[in-house]
Amino acid sequence: QVQLVESGGGLVQPGGPLSLSCAASGTFFSVDAMGWYRQAPGKQRELVAVITTGGSTNYADSVKGRFTISRDNAKNTVYLQMNSLKPEDTAVYYCKADGILTMNFKTLDAWGQGTLVTVSS
């Protein structure tokens, strides 16, 4: 009953910017935290950034100062602005929503399908 739709992935040159967005849709009351994860080839999935309903944020050390996460609570949408991209940022980026309160009064999490970001010259 909850779907996360991501957009914005693609090919970008080192040092360039790229923006990602993810919108939660379906039948539910509310969403708690939303965040972005990524999985590079041959590596485990890792947290990139997370943001609460109140706007508090946390970032992985590898992206601090370069990436910015934000959200629009009215639209149930989370964004990730990526700047000064490096080849090591190449990965599939996944959107995640935590603490989704469903119409059946259950709490669950949901993942997006992932969008590929390739940083290469």
N, C-alpha and C. Protein backbone atom coordinates (compact mmCIF):
# COMPACT_ATOMS: atom_id res chain seq x y z
N GLN A 1 0.80 -1.22 0.00
CA GLN A 1 0.00 0.00 0.00
C GLN A 1 0.84 1.27 0.00
N VAL A 2 2.18 1.14 0.07
CA VAL A 2 3.08 2.28 0.02
C VAL A 2 4.11 2.04 -1.06
N GLN A 3 4.30 3.02 -1.92
CA GLN A 3 5.29 2.94 -2.98
C GLN A 3 6.20 4.16 -2.94
N LEU A 4 7.49 3.95 -3.19
CA LEU A 4 8.45 5.03 -3.26
C LEU A 4 8.95 5.12 -4.70
N VAL A 5 8.78 6.28 -5.32
CA VAL A 5 9.17 6.49 -6.70
C VAL A 5 10.34 7.47 -6.75
N GLU A 6 11.49 6.99 -7.24
CA GLU A 6 12.71 7.78 -7.32
C GLU A 6 12.93 8.31 -8.73
N SER A 7 13.68 9.41 -8.81
CA SER A 7 14.04 9.97 -10.10
C SER A 7 15.31 10.81 -9.96
N GLY A 8 16.01 11.04 -11.07
CA GLY A 8 17.16 11.92 -11.07
C GLY A 8 18.51 11.28 -11.32
N GLY A 9 18.59 9.97 -11.32
CA GLY A 9 19.87 9.31 -11.55
C GLY A 9 20.36 9.49 -12.97
N GLY A 10 21.65 9.22 -13.18
CA GLY A 10 22.21 9.35 -14.51
C GLY A 10 23.72 9.45 -14.48
N LEU A 11 24.29 9.86 -15.61
CA LEU A 11 25.74 10.00 -15.77
C LEU A 11 26.15 11.45 -15.53
N VAL A 12 27.19 11.65 -14.73
CA VAL A 12 27.70 12.98 -14.43
C VAL A 12 29.22 12.94 -14.36
N GLN A 13 29.88 14.03 -14.76
CA GLN A 13 31.33 14.11 -14.71
C GLN A 13 31.82 14.38 -13.29
N PRO A 14 33.03 13.94 -12.95
CA PRO A 14 33.59 14.24 -11.64
C PRO A 14 33.57 15.73 -11.36
N GLY A 15 33.17 16.10 -10.13
CA GLY A 15 33.07 17.49 -9.75
C GLY A 15 31.72 18.11 -10.02
N GLY A 16 30.89 17.43 -10.76
CA GLY A 16 29.60 17.97 -11.11
C GLY A 16 28.52 17.71 -10.08
N PRO A 17 27.34 18.33 -10.28
CA PRO A 17 26.21 18.15 -9.38
C PRO A 17 25.15 17.22 -9.96
N LEU A 18 24.32 16.69 -9.08
CA LEU A 18 23.19 15.87 -9.50
C LEU A 18 22.17 15.88 -8.38
N SER A 19 20.88 15.92 -8.73
CA SER A 19 19.81 15.95 -7.75
C SER A 19 18.91 14.72 -7.88
N LEU A 20 18.57 14.13 -6.74
CA LEU A 20 17.67 12.99 -6.70
C LEU A 20 16.41 13.37 -5.93
N SER A 21 15.30 12.74 -6.27
CA SER A 21 14.06 12.95 -5.54
C SER A 21 13.34 11.63 -5.37
N CYS A 22 12.51 11.55 -4.34
CA CYS A 22 11.76 10.33 -4.05
C CYS A 22 10.44 10.71 -3.39
N ALA A 23 9.34 10.26 -3.96
CA ALA A 23 8.02 10.57 -3.44
C ALA A 23 7.32 9.30 -2.96
N ALA A 24 6.77 9.36 -1.76
CA ALA A 24 6.01 8.25 -1.21
C ALA A 24 4.53 8.42 -1.55
N SER A 25 3.93 7.37 -2.07
CA SER A 25 2.51 7.42 -2.42
C SER A 25 1.81 6.17 -1.94
N GLY A 26 0.49 6.23 -1.85
CA GLY A 26 -0.29 5.10 -1.41
C GLY A 26 -1.25 5.48 -0.30
N THR A 27 -1.70 4.47 0.43
CA THR A 27 -2.66 4.69 1.51
C THR A 27 -1.98 4.52 2.86
N PHE A 28 -1.74 5.62 3.54
CA PHE A 28 -1.10 5.61 4.85
C PHE A 28 -1.36 6.93 5.55
N PHE A 29 -1.17 6.94 6.86
CA PHE A 29 -1.41 8.15 7.64
C PHE A 29 -0.23 9.10 7.64
N SER A 30 0.96 8.56 7.87
CA SER A 30 2.13 9.41 8.00
C SER A 30 3.42 8.63 7.81
N VAL A 31 4.52 9.37 7.65
CA VAL A 31 5.86 8.80 7.51
C VAL A 31 6.78 9.50 8.50
N ASP A 32 7.61 8.73 9.19
CA ASP A 32 8.55 9.31 10.14
C ASP A 32 9.79 9.81 9.40
N ALA A 33 10.90 9.08 9.50
CA ALA A 33 12.13 9.51 8.85
C ALA A 33 12.19 9.03 7.40
N MET A 34 12.92 9.78 6.58
CA MET A 34 13.18 9.38 5.21
C MET A 34 14.67 9.53 4.96
N GLY A 35 15.21 8.68 4.10
CA GLY A 35 16.64 8.74 3.87
C GLY A 35 17.08 8.15 2.55
N TRP A 36 18.38 8.26 2.31
CA TRP A 36 19.00 7.72 1.11
C TRP A 36 20.12 6.76 1.48
N TYR A 37 20.18 5.64 0.80
CA TYR A 37 21.24 4.66 0.93
C TYR A 37 21.86 4.45 -0.44
N ARG A 38 23.03 3.84 -0.48
CA ARG A 38 23.64 3.54 -1.76
C ARG A 38 24.42 2.23 -1.68
N GLN A 39 24.55 1.58 -2.82
CA GLN A 39 25.30 0.35 -2.91
C GLN A 39 26.19 0.39 -4.15
N ALA A 40 27.49 0.43 -3.93
CA ALA A 40 28.45 0.45 -5.01
C ALA A 40 28.78 -0.98 -5.44
N PRO A 41 29.29 -1.16 -6.65
CA PRO A 41 29.64 -2.51 -7.12
C PRO A 41 30.59 -3.22 -6.16
N GLY A 42 30.23 -4.42 -5.75
CA GLY A 42 31.07 -5.21 -4.86
C GLY A 42 31.07 -4.79 -3.41
N LYS A 43 30.22 -3.85 -3.04
CA LYS A 43 30.17 -3.36 -1.66
C LYS A 43 28.77 -3.51 -1.07
N GLN A 44 28.69 -3.43 0.26
CA GLN A 44 27.41 -3.51 0.95
C GLN A 44 26.68 -2.18 0.90
N ARG A 45 25.37 -2.24 1.05
CA ARG A 45 24.57 -1.03 1.06
C ARG A 45 24.90 -0.21 2.31
N GLU A 46 25.02 1.11 2.16
CA GLU A 46 25.36 1.98 3.27
C GLU A 46 24.44 3.19 3.33
N LEU A 47 24.30 3.73 4.53
CA LEU A 47 23.50 4.94 4.72
C LEU A 47 24.25 6.14 4.17
N VAL A 48 23.55 6.97 3.41
CA VAL A 48 24.12 8.20 2.88
C VAL A 48 23.67 9.39 3.72
N ALA A 49 22.36 9.52 3.92
CA ALA A 49 21.80 10.62 4.69
C ALA A 49 20.39 10.28 5.13
N VAL A 50 19.96 10.87 6.26
CA VAL A 50 18.61 10.65 6.76
C VAL A 50 18.08 11.97 7.31
N ILE A 51 16.76 12.16 7.22
CA ILE A 51 16.13 13.37 7.72
C ILE A 51 14.83 13.02 8.42
N THR A 52 14.58 13.62 9.59
CA THR A 52 13.36 13.37 10.35
C THR A 52 12.26 14.32 9.90
N THR A 53 11.05 14.08 10.42
CA THR A 53 9.92 14.95 10.11
C THR A 53 10.20 16.38 10.55
N GLY A 54 10.91 16.53 11.67
CA GLY A 54 11.24 17.84 12.19
C GLY A 54 12.39 18.53 11.49
N GLY A 55 13.08 17.83 10.59
CA GLY A 55 14.15 18.44 9.83
C GLY A 55 15.56 18.15 10.30
N SER A 56 15.73 17.34 11.34
CA SER A 56 17.07 16.98 11.80
C SER A 56 17.71 16.04 10.79
N THR A 57 19.01 16.22 10.53
CA THR A 57 19.70 15.44 9.52
C THR A 57 20.96 14.78 10.04
N ASN A 58 21.35 13.69 9.39
CA ASN A 58 22.61 13.01 9.66
C ASN A 58 23.17 12.53 8.33
N TYR A 59 24.50 12.60 8.19
CA TYR A 59 25.17 12.23 6.95
C TYR A 59 26.30 11.26 7.21
N ALA A 60 26.58 10.43 6.22
CA ALA A 60 27.78 9.61 6.26
C ALA A 60 28.99 10.53 6.17
N ASP A 61 30.08 10.17 6.85
CA ASP A 61 31.27 11.01 6.83
C ASP A 61 31.79 11.26 5.41
N SER A 62 31.62 10.29 4.54
CA SER A 62 32.14 10.39 3.18
C SER A 62 31.43 11.44 2.32
N VAL A 63 30.24 11.89 2.74
CA VAL A 63 29.49 12.84 1.94
C VAL A 63 29.24 14.17 2.63
N LYS A 64 29.65 14.31 3.89
CA LYS A 64 29.45 15.55 4.63
C LYS A 64 30.11 16.72 3.90
N GLY A 65 29.36 17.81 3.78
CA GLY A 65 29.87 18.98 3.10
C GLY A 65 29.65 18.98 1.61
N ARG A 66 29.25 17.83 1.05
CA ARG A 66 29.03 17.73 -0.39
C ARG A 66 27.57 17.44 -0.73
N PHE A 67 26.90 16.63 0.09
CA PHE A 67 25.50 16.26 -0.15
C PHE A 67 24.59 16.98 0.83
N THR A 68 23.36 17.28 0.40
CA THR A 68 22.36 17.90 1.25
C THR A 68 21.03 17.18 1.09
N ILE A 69 20.46 16.72 2.21
CA ILE A 69 19.16 16.07 2.18
C ILE A 69 18.09 17.04 2.66
N SER A 70 16.91 16.98 2.07
CA SER A 70 15.80 17.83 2.46
C SER A 70 14.50 17.09 2.19
N ARG A 71 13.39 17.60 2.72
CA ARG A 71 12.11 16.94 2.49
C ARG A 71 10.96 17.94 2.50
N ASP A 72 9.87 17.55 1.86
CA ASP A 72 8.64 18.30 1.84
C ASP A 72 7.60 17.39 2.47
N ASN A 73 7.25 17.64 3.72
CA ASN A 73 6.33 16.77 4.44
C ASN A 73 4.94 16.73 3.80
N ALA A 74 4.49 17.85 3.26
CA ALA A 74 3.18 17.91 2.64
C ALA A 74 3.10 17.01 1.41
N LYS A 75 4.23 16.83 0.73
CA LYS A 75 4.28 16.00 -0.48
C LYS A 75 4.85 14.61 -0.22
N ASN A 76 5.25 14.34 1.03
CA ASN A 76 5.90 13.07 1.37
C ASN A 76 7.05 12.78 0.41
N THR A 77 7.85 13.80 0.17
CA THR A 77 8.95 13.70 -0.78
C THR A 77 10.28 14.06 -0.11
N VAL A 78 11.32 13.30 -0.43
CA VAL A 78 12.65 13.56 0.07
C VAL A 78 13.59 13.81 -1.11
N TYR A 79 14.56 14.70 -0.92
CA TYR A 79 15.48 15.08 -1.98
C TYR A 79 16.92 14.88 -1.52
N LEU A 80 17.81 14.71 -2.49
CA LEU A 80 19.23 14.63 -2.20
C LEU A 80 19.97 15.44 -3.25
N GLN A 81 20.57 16.55 -2.83
CA GLN A 81 21.39 17.37 -3.71
C GLN A 81 22.83 16.95 -3.54
N MET A 82 23.45 16.48 -4.60
CA MET A 82 24.82 15.99 -4.57
C MET A 82 25.72 16.95 -5.34
N ASN A 83 26.77 17.42 -4.70
CA ASN A 83 27.73 18.32 -5.32
C ASN A 83 29.14 17.74 -5.23
N SER A 84 30.04 18.27 -6.05
CA SER A 84 31.44 17.84 -6.06
C SER A 84 31.55 16.32 -6.11
N LEU A 85 30.83 15.72 -7.01
CA LEU A 85 30.79 14.26 -7.10
C LEU A 85 32.14 13.67 -7.47
N LYS A 86 32.42 12.51 -6.90
CA LYS A 86 33.66 11.78 -7.13
C LYS A 86 33.34 10.43 -7.76
N PRO A 87 34.29 9.83 -8.46
CA PRO A 87 34.06 8.50 -9.04
C PRO A 87 33.61 7.47 -8.00
N GLU A 88 34.11 7.59 -6.77
CA GLU A 88 33.72 6.66 -5.72
C GLU A 88 32.28 6.83 -5.24
N ASP A 89 31.60 7.88 -5.70
CA ASP A 89 30.19 8.05 -5.40
C ASP A 89 29.31 7.21 -6.31
N THR A 90 29.90 6.61 -7.32
CA THR A 90 29.15 5.77 -8.25
C THR A 90 28.49 4.62 -7.50
N ALA A 91 27.17 4.51 -7.64
CA ALA A 91 26.42 3.48 -6.93
C ALA A 91 24.96 3.53 -7.34
N VAL A 92 24.21 2.52 -6.93
CA VAL A 92 22.76 2.57 -7.03
C VAL A 92 22.27 3.22 -5.75
N TYR A 93 21.51 4.29 -5.88
CA TYR A 93 21.00 5.02 -4.73
C TYR A 93 19.55 4.63 -4.47
N TYR A 94 19.26 4.28 -3.21
CA TYR A 94 17.94 3.83 -2.81
C TYR A 94 17.29 4.79 -1.81
N CYS A 95 16.02 5.06 -2.02
CA CYS A 95 15.24 5.86 -1.09
C CYS A 95 14.60 4.93 -0.07
N LYS A 96 14.52 5.37 1.19
CA LYS A 96 13.87 4.59 2.24
C LYS A 96 12.98 5.48 3.10
N ALA A 97 11.81 4.96 3.44
CA ALA A 97 10.90 5.64 4.35
C ALA A 97 10.72 4.77 5.58
N ASP A 98 10.89 5.37 6.77
CA ASP A 98 10.77 4.64 8.03
C ASP A 98 9.55 5.10 8.80
N GLY A 99 9.01 4.19 9.61
CA GLY A 99 7.88 4.53 10.47
C GLY A 99 6.64 4.94 9.72
N ILE A 100 6.30 4.19 8.67
CA ILE A 100 5.07 4.46 7.91
C ILE A 100 3.89 3.90 8.69
N LEU A 101 2.96 4.77 9.07
CA LEU A 101 1.76 4.35 9.78
C LEU A 101 0.68 4.05 8.76
N THR A 102 0.31 2.78 8.63
CA THR A 102 -0.67 2.36 7.63
C THR A 102 -2.10 2.56 8.10
N MET A 103 -3.04 2.37 7.19
CA MET A 103 -4.46 2.51 7.52
C MET A 103 -4.94 1.40 8.45
N ASN A 104 -4.16 0.33 8.57
CA ASN A 104 -4.45 -0.75 9.50
C ASN A 104 -3.74 -0.55 10.84
N PHE A 105 -3.18 0.63 11.03
CA PHE A 105 -2.49 1.00 12.27
C PHE A 105 -1.28 0.13 12.55
N LYS A 106 -0.60 -0.26 11.50
CA LYS A 106 0.67 -0.96 11.61
C LYS A 106 1.77 -0.02 11.17
N THR A 107 2.96 -0.26 11.67
CA THR A 107 4.11 0.55 11.31
C THR A 107 5.09 -0.28 10.49
N LEU A 108 5.51 0.22 9.34
CA LEU A 108 6.42 -0.51 8.48
C LEU A 108 7.39 0.43 7.77
N ASP A 109 8.37 -0.16 7.11
CA ASP A 109 9.35 0.58 6.32
C ASP A 109 9.17 0.22 4.85
N ALA A 110 9.64 1.08 3.96
CA ALA A 110 9.55 0.82 2.53
C ALA A 110 10.81 1.31 1.82
N TRP A 111 11.16 0.62 0.74
CA TRP A 111 12.32 0.97 -0.09
C TRP A 111 11.89 1.30 -1.50
N GLY A 112 12.62 2.21 -2.13
CA GLY A 112 12.43 2.49 -3.53
C GLY A 112 13.15 1.46 -4.37
N GLN A 113 12.98 1.51 -5.68
CA GLN A 113 13.58 0.52 -6.57
C GLN A 113 15.05 0.78 -6.85
N GLY A 114 15.52 1.97 -6.54
CA GLY A 114 16.91 2.34 -6.77
C GLY A 114 17.10 3.08 -8.09
N THR A 115 18.04 4.01 -8.10
CA THR A 115 18.38 4.74 -9.31
C THR A 115 19.90 4.81 -9.42
N LEU A 116 20.44 4.53 -10.60
CA LEU A 116 21.88 4.45 -10.79
C LEU A 116 22.50 5.82 -11.01
N VAL A 117 23.55 6.11 -10.23
CA VAL A 117 24.34 7.32 -10.39
C VAL A 117 25.75 6.90 -10.80
N THR A 118 26.19 7.35 -11.97
CA THR A 118 27.51 7.02 -12.47
C THR A 118 28.33 8.29 -12.61
N VAL A 119 29.45 8.36 -11.90
CA VAL A 119 30.35 9.52 -11.93
C VAL A 119 31.60 9.11 -12.70
N SER A 120 31.73 9.61 -13.91
CA SER A 120 32.83 9.22 -14.78
C SER A 120 33.08 10.27 -15.85
N SER A 121 34.34 10.40 -16.26
CA SER A 121 34.71 11.29 -17.35
C SER A 121 34.87 10.52 -18.65
